[in-house]
Amino acid sequence: MPQATFFNLSDDKRNLIISAAIDEFSSASYSAASINQICKKSNIAKGSFYQYFTDKMDLYVYIMTLAIEEKIRFFSVILREFHTLSLLEQFRLLFIKGIEFAKDYPQYAALGEQFSKENNQLAKSSVIKAGYKQSESLFIKMIDHAKSKGEIDSKVDSLALSMIFQSLNNSVNEYMLNKFGNVRYEQYEEDVSNFVDSLLSIIFNGIQNKI
């Protein structure tokens, strides 16, 4: 987390640093991203940077967490609007609305795409750890709501199912990256929809032969 000195800055100065960091981390890997460039774009001395953040990792995790928080807020509003949908329909809706999020927040979308290609395992695991609790909370709310409606078995472990949903989300991103070289859903909406439907069918219908 940033130091208190960062939060004591004016909103304009703080937002300038955030914007410069998003630009840098969305266009370069963690290892290649330059603190010097971020300082230059945000008009701060490098010495000042270390008064605000412990190191590059500290800034990177903070910026990625901001993107995750924005996406969670975006999806939370959507889920409140479509609360009458089934759990399966809601989860599928998240992928469809992911296209809308990418259009409304292109900088965060670019940041997410760059992150999906990240090879630095320490950087990647640090971000995943930071964002895990937020996405976990969203999925558990969806699952518990489905339980309250009698839609799914009340004995289902909400945490375990939320972990499956998070793994499914990661699998879709990995699938997109391996097949198309990026995770921009708007370019391959039909393909993504078919793949998501296949994964959801396994989760909700199981793999046993019912004949």
C-alpha atoms as a PDB file:
ATOM      1  CA  MET A   1       0.000   0.000   0.000  1.00  0.00           C
ATOM      2  CA  PRO A   2       1.157   3.575  -0.665  1.00  0.00           C
ATOM      3  CA  GLN A   3       2.591   5.623   2.172  1.00  0.00           C
ATOM      4  CA  ALA A   4       0.435   8.195   3.975  1.00  0.00           C
ATOM      5  CA  THR A   5       2.375  10.922   2.153  1.00  0.00           C
ATOM      6  CA  PHE A   6       0.812   9.766  -1.128  1.00  0.00           C
ATOM      7  CA  PHE A   7      -2.716  10.151   0.203  1.00  0.00           C
ATOM      8  CA  ASN A   8      -1.821  13.581   1.575  1.00  0.00           C
ATOM      9  CA  LEU A   9      -1.183  14.838  -1.959  1.00  0.00           C
ATOM     10  CA  SER A  10      -3.828  16.882  -3.760  1.00  0.00           C
ATOM     11  CA  ASP A  11      -6.329  14.909  -5.828  1.00  0.00           C
ATOM     12  CA  ASP A  12      -4.865  16.301  -9.045  1.00  0.00           C
ATOM     13  CA  LYS A  13      -1.304  15.304  -8.150  1.00  0.00           C
ATOM     14  CA  ARG A  14      -2.351  11.872  -6.946  1.00  0.00           C
ATOM     15  CA  ASN A  15      -4.435  11.244 -10.072  1.00  0.00           C
ATOM     16  CA  LEU A  16      -1.549  12.359 -12.295  1.00  0.00           C
ATOM     17  CA  ILE A  17       0.740   9.743 -10.718  1.00  0.00           C
ATOM     18  CA  ILE A  18      -1.959   7.074 -11.043  1.00  0.00           C
ATOM     19  CA  SER A  19      -2.566   7.963 -14.685  1.00  0.00           C
ATOM     20  CA  ALA A  20       1.153   7.867 -15.491  1.00  0.00           C
ATOM     21  CA  ALA A  21       1.499   4.491 -13.782  1.00  0.00           C
ATOM     22  CA  ILE A  22      -1.488   3.036 -15.647  1.00  0.00           C
ATOM     23  CA  ASP A  23       0.001   4.212 -18.948  1.00  0.00           C
ATOM     24  CA  GLU A  24       3.342   2.609 -18.137  1.00  0.00           C
ATOM     25  CA  PHE A  25       2.059  -0.694 -16.761  1.00  0.00           C
ATOM     26  CA  SER A  26      -0.471  -1.117 -19.569  1.00  0.00           C
ATOM     27  CA  SER A  27       2.183  -0.767 -22.245  1.00  0.00           C
ATOM     28  CA  ALA A  28       5.062  -2.743 -20.705  1.00  0.00           C
ATOM     29  CA  SER A  29       5.645  -5.821 -18.595  1.00  0.00           C
ATOM     30  CA  TYR A  30       6.353  -5.364 -14.904  1.00  0.00           C
ATOM     31  CA  SER A  31      10.093  -5.864 -15.417  1.00  0.00           C
ATOM     32  CA  ALA A  32      10.257  -3.464 -18.368  1.00  0.00           C
ATOM     33  CA  ALA A  33       8.081  -0.771 -16.802  1.00  0.00           C
ATOM     34  CA  SER A  34      10.130   2.277 -15.832  1.00  0.00           C
ATOM     35  CA  ILE A  35       9.820   4.215 -12.602  1.00  0.00           C
ATOM     36  CA  ASN A  36      11.813   6.981 -14.310  1.00  0.00           C
ATOM     37  CA  GLN A  37       9.142   7.284 -17.000  1.00  0.00           C
ATOM     38  CA  ILE A  38       6.350   7.355 -14.426  1.00  0.00           C
ATOM     39  CA  CYS A  39       8.145  10.106 -12.501  1.00  0.00           C
ATOM     40  CA  LYS A  40       8.742  12.059 -15.717  1.00  0.00           C
ATOM     41  CA  LYS A  41       5.109  11.819 -16.856  1.00  0.00           C
ATOM     42  CA  SER A  42       3.784  12.805 -13.441  1.00  0.00           C
ATOM     43  CA  ASN A  43       6.356  15.581 -12.885  1.00  0.00           C
ATOM     44  CA  ILE A  44       7.776  14.238  -9.637  1.00  0.00           C
ATOM     45  CA  ALA A  45      11.370  13.672  -8.560  1.00  0.00           C
ATOM     46  CA  LYS A  46      12.458  10.055  -8.210  1.00  0.00           C
ATOM     47  CA  GLY A  47      13.276  10.735  -4.575  1.00  0.00           C
ATOM     48  CA  SER A  48       9.664  11.825  -4.060  1.00  0.00           C
ATOM     49  CA  PHE A  49       8.448   8.563  -5.553  1.00  0.00           C
ATOM     50  CA  TYR A  50      10.054   6.616  -2.710  1.00  0.00           C
ATOM     51  CA  GLN A  51       8.294   8.867  -0.213  1.00  0.00           C
ATOM     52  CA  TYR A  52       4.996   7.682  -1.700  1.00  0.00           C
ATOM     53  CA  PHE A  53       5.729   4.008  -2.455  1.00  0.00           C
ATOM     54  CA  THR A  54       8.103   1.426  -1.031  1.00  0.00           C
ATOM     55  CA  ASP A  55       9.177   0.276  -4.496  1.00  0.00           C
ATOM     56  CA  LYS A  56       7.870  -0.523  -7.983  1.00  0.00           C
ATOM     57  CA  MET A  57       6.035  -3.616  -6.712  1.00  0.00           C
ATOM     58  CA  ASP A  58       4.174  -1.495  -4.176  1.00  0.00           C
ATOM     59  CA  LEU A  59       2.984   0.845  -6.931  1.00  0.00           C
ATOM     60  CA  TYR A  60       2.177  -2.006  -9.326  1.00  0.00           C
ATOM     61  CA  VAL A  61      -0.036  -3.872  -6.863  1.00  0.00           C
ATOM     62  CA  TYR A  62      -1.766  -0.611  -5.906  1.00  0.00           C
ATOM     63  CA  ILE A  63      -2.539   0.286  -9.532  1.00  0.00           C
ATOM     64  CA  MET A  64      -3.779  -3.217 -10.338  1.00  0.00           C
ATOM     65  CA  THR A  65      -5.924  -3.180  -7.195  1.00  0.00           C
ATOM     66  CA  LEU A  66      -7.532   0.083  -8.322  1.00  0.00           C
ATOM     67  CA  ALA A  67      -8.442  -1.562 -11.631  1.00  0.00           C
ATOM     68  CA  ILE A  68      -9.876  -4.605  -9.856  1.00  0.00           C
ATOM     69  CA  GLU A  69     -11.900  -2.409  -7.503  1.00  0.00           C
ATOM     70  CA  GLU A  70     -13.346  -0.447 -10.423  1.00  0.00           C
ATOM     71  CA  LYS A  71     -14.320  -3.630 -12.235  1.00  0.00           C
ATOM     72  CA  ILE A  72     -15.930  -5.084  -9.092  1.00  0.00           C
ATOM     73  CA  ARG A  73     -17.950  -1.866  -8.614  1.00  0.00           C
ATOM     74  CA  PHE A  74     -19.000  -1.979 -12.266  1.00  0.00           C
ATOM     75  CA  PHE A  75     -20.171  -5.585 -12.005  1.00  0.00           C
ATOM     76  CA  SER A  76     -21.844  -5.050  -8.611  1.00  0.00           C
ATOM     77  CA  VAL A  77     -24.089  -2.357 -10.094  1.00  0.00           C
ATOM     78  CA  ILE A  78     -24.996  -4.661 -12.975  1.00  0.00           C
ATOM     79  CA  LEU A  79     -25.803  -7.571 -10.657  1.00  0.00           C
ATOM     80  CA  ARG A  80     -28.089  -5.380  -8.555  1.00  0.00           C
ATOM     81  CA  GLU A  81     -29.908  -4.415 -11.740  1.00  0.00           C
ATOM     82  CA  PHE A  82     -30.217  -8.024 -12.898  1.00  0.00           C
ATOM     83  CA  HIS A  83     -30.766  -9.622  -9.471  1.00  0.00           C
ATOM     84  CA  THR A  84     -33.722 -11.700 -10.743  1.00  0.00           C
ATOM     85  CA  LEU A  85     -31.511 -13.693 -13.104  1.00  0.00           C
ATOM     86  CA  SER A  86     -30.366 -17.177 -12.170  1.00  0.00           C
ATOM     87  CA  LEU A  87     -26.817 -17.703 -10.908  1.00  0.00           C
ATOM     88  CA  LEU A  88     -25.829 -19.231 -14.238  1.00  0.00           C
ATOM     89  CA  GLU A  89     -27.338 -16.287 -16.133  1.00  0.00           C
ATOM     90  CA  GLN A  90     -25.650 -13.788 -13.828  1.00  0.00           C
ATOM     91  CA  PHE A  91     -22.244 -15.384 -14.211  1.00  0.00           C
ATOM     92  CA  ARG A  92     -22.595 -15.491 -17.985  1.00  0.00           C
ATOM     93  CA  LEU A  93     -23.691 -11.850 -17.883  1.00  0.00           C
ATOM     94  CA  LEU A  94     -20.376 -10.894 -16.271  1.00  0.00           C
ATOM     95  CA  PHE A  95     -18.512 -11.999 -19.390  1.00  0.00           C
ATOM     96  CA  ILE A  96     -20.937 -10.224 -21.708  1.00  0.00           C
ATOM     97  CA  LYS A  97     -20.655  -7.031 -19.652  1.00  0.00           C
ATOM     98  CA  GLY A  98     -16.881  -7.427 -19.665  1.00  0.00           C
ATOM     99  CA  ILE A  99     -17.067  -6.087 -23.215  1.00  0.00           C
ATOM    100  CA  GLU A 100     -18.928  -3.032 -21.949  1.00  0.00           C
ATOM    101  CA  PHE A 101     -16.367  -2.486 -19.193  1.00  0.00           C
ATOM    102  CA  ALA A 102     -13.525  -2.609 -21.742  1.00  0.00           C
ATOM    103  CA  LYS A 103     -15.258   0.080 -23.794  1.00  0.00           C
ATOM    104  CA  ASP A 104     -16.054   2.300 -20.817  1.00  0.00           C
ATOM    105  CA  TYR A 105     -12.619   1.893 -19.167  1.00  0.00           C
ATOM    106  CA  PRO A 106     -10.108   1.351 -22.004  1.00  0.00           C
ATOM    107  CA  GLN A 107      -7.117   2.128 -19.780  1.00  0.00           C
ATOM    108  CA  TYR A 108      -8.076  -0.532 -17.251  1.00  0.00           C
ATOM    109  CA  ALA A 109      -8.864  -2.964 -20.072  1.00  0.00           C
ATOM    110  CA  ALA A 110      -5.385  -2.412 -21.530  1.00  0.00           C
ATOM    111  CA  LEU A 111      -3.904  -2.877 -18.055  1.00  0.00           C
ATOM    112  CA  GLY A 112      -5.748  -6.170 -17.666  1.00  0.00           C
ATOM    113  CA  GLU A 113      -4.604  -7.408 -21.039  1.00  0.00           C
ATOM    114  CA  GLN A 114      -0.987  -6.594 -20.250  1.00  0.00           C
ATOM    115  CA  PHE A 115      -1.348  -8.365 -16.901  1.00  0.00           C
ATOM    116  CA  SER A 116      -2.653 -11.501 -18.638  1.00  0.00           C
ATOM    117  CA  LYS A 117       0.687 -11.663 -20.488  1.00  0.00           C
ATOM    118  CA  GLU A 118       2.803 -10.976 -17.398  1.00  0.00           C
ATOM    119  CA  ASN A 119       5.708 -13.409 -16.938  1.00  0.00           C
ATOM    120  CA  ASN A 120       6.999 -12.114 -13.620  1.00  0.00           C
ATOM    121  CA  GLN A 121       5.471 -14.651 -11.244  1.00  0.00           C
ATOM    122  CA  LEU A 122       6.099 -12.575  -8.118  1.00  0.00           C
ATOM    123  CA  ALA A 123       4.315  -9.580  -9.624  1.00  0.00           C
ATOM    124  CA  LYS A 124       1.478 -11.757 -10.882  1.00  0.00           C
ATOM    125  CA  SER A 125       0.979 -13.642  -7.613  1.00  0.00           C
ATOM    126  CA  SER A 126       1.092 -10.401  -5.603  1.00  0.00           C
ATOM    127  CA  VAL A 127      -1.705  -8.899  -7.693  1.00  0.00           C
ATOM    128  CA  ILE A 128      -3.792 -12.076  -7.599  1.00  0.00           C
ATOM    129  CA  LYS A 129      -3.439 -12.218  -3.826  1.00  0.00           C
ATOM    130  CA  ALA A 130      -4.469  -8.563  -3.490  1.00  0.00           C
ATOM    131  CA  GLY A 131      -7.498  -8.933  -5.762  1.00  0.00           C
ATOM    132  CA  TYR A 132      -8.631 -12.353  -4.608  1.00  0.00           C
ATOM    133  CA  LYS A 133     -10.683 -11.190  -1.628  1.00  0.00           C
ATOM    134  CA  GLN A 134     -12.585  -8.626  -3.700  1.00  0.00           C
ATOM    135  CA  SER A 135     -13.681 -11.028  -6.410  1.00  0.00           C
ATOM    136  CA  GLU A 136     -14.314 -13.697  -3.774  1.00  0.00           C
ATOM    137  CA  SER A 137     -16.734 -11.366  -2.000  1.00  0.00           C
ATOM    138  CA  LEU A 138     -18.633 -10.653  -5.233  1.00  0.00           C
ATOM    139  CA  PHE A 139     -19.005 -14.330  -6.127  1.00  0.00           C
ATOM    140  CA  ILE A 140     -20.036 -15.347  -2.612  1.00  0.00           C
ATOM    141  CA  LYS A 141     -22.806 -12.715  -2.652  1.00  0.00           C
ATOM    142  CA  MET A 142     -24.042 -14.147  -5.957  1.00  0.00           C
ATOM    143  CA  ILE A 143     -23.919 -17.709  -4.588  1.00  0.00           C
ATOM    144  CA  ASP A 144     -25.608 -16.890  -1.280  1.00  0.00           C
ATOM    145  CA  HIS A 145     -28.345 -15.017  -3.142  1.00  0.00           C
ATOM    146  CA  ALA A 146     -28.938 -18.102  -5.305  1.00  0.00           C
ATOM    147  CA  LYS A 147     -29.128 -20.212  -2.142  1.00  0.00           C
ATOM    148  CA  SER A 148     -31.711 -17.874  -0.602  1.00  0.00           C
ATOM    149  CA  LYS A 149     -33.885 -18.344  -3.694  1.00  0.00           C
ATOM    150  CA  GLY A 150     -33.584 -22.116  -3.444  1.00  0.00           C
ATOM    151  CA  GLU A 151     -31.831 -22.155  -6.794  1.00  0.00           C
ATOM    152  CA  ILE A 152     -28.859 -24.205  -5.609  1.00  0.00           C
ATOM    153  CA  ASP A 153     -28.316 -26.620  -2.734  1.00  0.00           C
ATOM    154  CA  SER A 154     -27.897 -24.724   0.530  1.00  0.00           C
ATOM    155  CA  LYS A 155     -25.202 -27.238   1.521  1.00  0.00           C
ATOM    156  CA  VAL A 156     -22.930 -26.098  -1.302  1.00  0.00           C
ATOM    157  CA  ASP A 157     -19.765 -24.533   0.123  1.00  0.00           C
ATOM    158  CA  SER A 158     -19.970 -20.901  -1.026  1.00  0.00           C
ATOM    159  CA  LEU A 159     -16.236 -20.345  -0.717  1.00  0.00           C
ATOM    160  CA  ALA A 160     -15.411 -23.491  -2.687  1.00  0.00           C
ATOM    161  CA  LEU A 161     -17.831 -22.553  -5.476  1.00  0.00           C
ATOM    162  CA  SER A 162     -16.465 -19.001  -5.580  1.00  0.00           C
ATOM    163  CA  MET A 163     -12.986 -20.480  -6.073  1.00  0.00           C
ATOM    164  CA  ILE A 164     -14.305 -22.497  -9.016  1.00  0.00           C
ATOM    165  CA  PHE A 165     -15.813 -19.341 -10.527  1.00  0.00           C
ATOM    166  CA  GLN A 166     -12.534 -17.491 -10.143  1.00  0.00           C
ATOM    167  CA  SER A 167     -10.694 -20.376 -11.776  1.00  0.00           C
ATOM    168  CA  LEU A 168     -13.241 -20.347 -14.599  1.00  0.00           C
ATOM    169  CA  ASN A 169     -12.633 -16.637 -15.140  1.00  0.00           C
ATOM    170  CA  ASN A 170      -8.877 -17.216 -15.254  1.00  0.00           C
ATOM    171  CA  SER A 171      -9.373 -20.123 -17.656  1.00  0.00           C
ATOM    172  CA  VAL A 172     -11.331 -17.951 -20.083  1.00  0.00           C
ATOM    173  CA  ASN A 173      -8.608 -15.297 -20.051  1.00  0.00           C
ATOM    174  CA  GLU A 174      -5.921 -17.931 -20.610  1.00  0.00           C
ATOM    175  CA  TYR A 175      -7.965 -19.483 -23.414  1.00  0.00           C
ATOM    176  CA  MET A 176      -8.348 -16.103 -25.138  1.00  0.00           C
ATOM    177  CA  LEU A 177      -4.669 -15.317 -24.770  1.00  0.00           C
ATOM    178  CA  ASN A 178      -3.520 -18.681 -26.106  1.00  0.00           C
ATOM    179  CA  LYS A 179      -5.970 -18.765 -29.011  1.00  0.00           C
ATOM    180  CA  PHE A 180      -6.056 -15.116 -30.104  1.00  0.00           C
ATOM    181  CA  GLY A 181      -3.072 -13.468 -28.445  1.00  0.00           C
ATOM    182  CA  ASN A 182      -5.227 -11.106 -26.364  1.00  0.00           C
ATOM    183  CA  VAL A 183      -8.240 -11.048 -24.047  1.00  0.00           C
ATOM    184  CA  ARG A 184     -10.374  -8.465 -25.835  1.00  0.00           C
ATOM    185  CA  TYR A 185     -13.818 -10.055 -25.709  1.00  0.00           C
ATOM    186  CA  GLU A 186     -15.425  -7.598 -28.119  1.00  0.00           C
ATOM    187  CA  GLN A 187     -13.408  -9.027 -30.998  1.00  0.00           C
ATOM    188  CA  TYR A 188     -14.366 -12.638 -30.331  1.00  0.00           C
ATOM    189  CA  GLU A 189     -17.694 -12.394 -28.513  1.00  0.00           C
ATOM    190  CA  GLU A 190     -19.302 -15.475 -30.091  1.00  0.00           C
ATOM    191  CA  ASP A 191     -16.255 -17.657 -29.465  1.00  0.00           C
ATOM    192  CA  VAL A 192     -16.003 -16.545 -25.841  1.00  0.00           C
ATOM    193  CA  SER A 193     -19.737 -17.069 -25.289  1.00  0.00           C
ATOM    194  CA  ASN A 194     -19.531 -20.632 -26.591  1.00  0.00           C
ATOM    195  CA  PHE A 195     -16.503 -21.425 -24.421  1.00  0.00           C
ATOM    196  CA  VAL A 196     -18.105 -19.884 -21.315  1.00  0.00           C
ATOM    197  CA  ASP A 197     -21.302 -21.860 -21.951  1.00  0.00           C
ATOM    198  CA  SER A 198     -19.272 -25.080 -22.155  1.00  0.00           C
ATOM    199  CA  LEU A 199     -17.554 -24.392 -18.835  1.00  0.00           C
ATOM    200  CA  LEU A 200     -20.780 -23.353 -17.115  1.00  0.00           C
ATOM    201  CA  SER A 201     -22.547 -26.451 -18.403  1.00  0.00           C
ATOM    202  CA  ILE A 202     -19.928 -28.619 -16.702  1.00  0.00           C
ATOM    203  CA  ILE A 203     -20.295 -26.714 -13.416  1.00  0.00           C
ATOM    204  CA  PHE A 204     -24.089 -26.642 -13.339  1.00  0.00           C
ATOM    205  CA  ASN A 205     -24.888 -29.972 -15.048  1.00  0.00           C
ATOM    206  CA  GLY A 206     -21.916 -32.088 -14.003  1.00  0.00           C
ATOM    207  CA  ILE A 207     -20.005 -34.638 -16.051  1.00  0.00           C
ATOM    208  CA  GLN A 208     -21.893 -37.821 -15.258  1.00  0.00           C
ATOM    209  CA  ASN A 209     -23.675 -39.593 -18.098  1.00  0.00           C
ATOM    210  CA  LYS A 210     -27.370 -39.097 -17.323  1.00  0.00           C
ATOM    211  CA  ILE A 211     -28.619 -41.617 -19.905  1.00  0.00           C
END
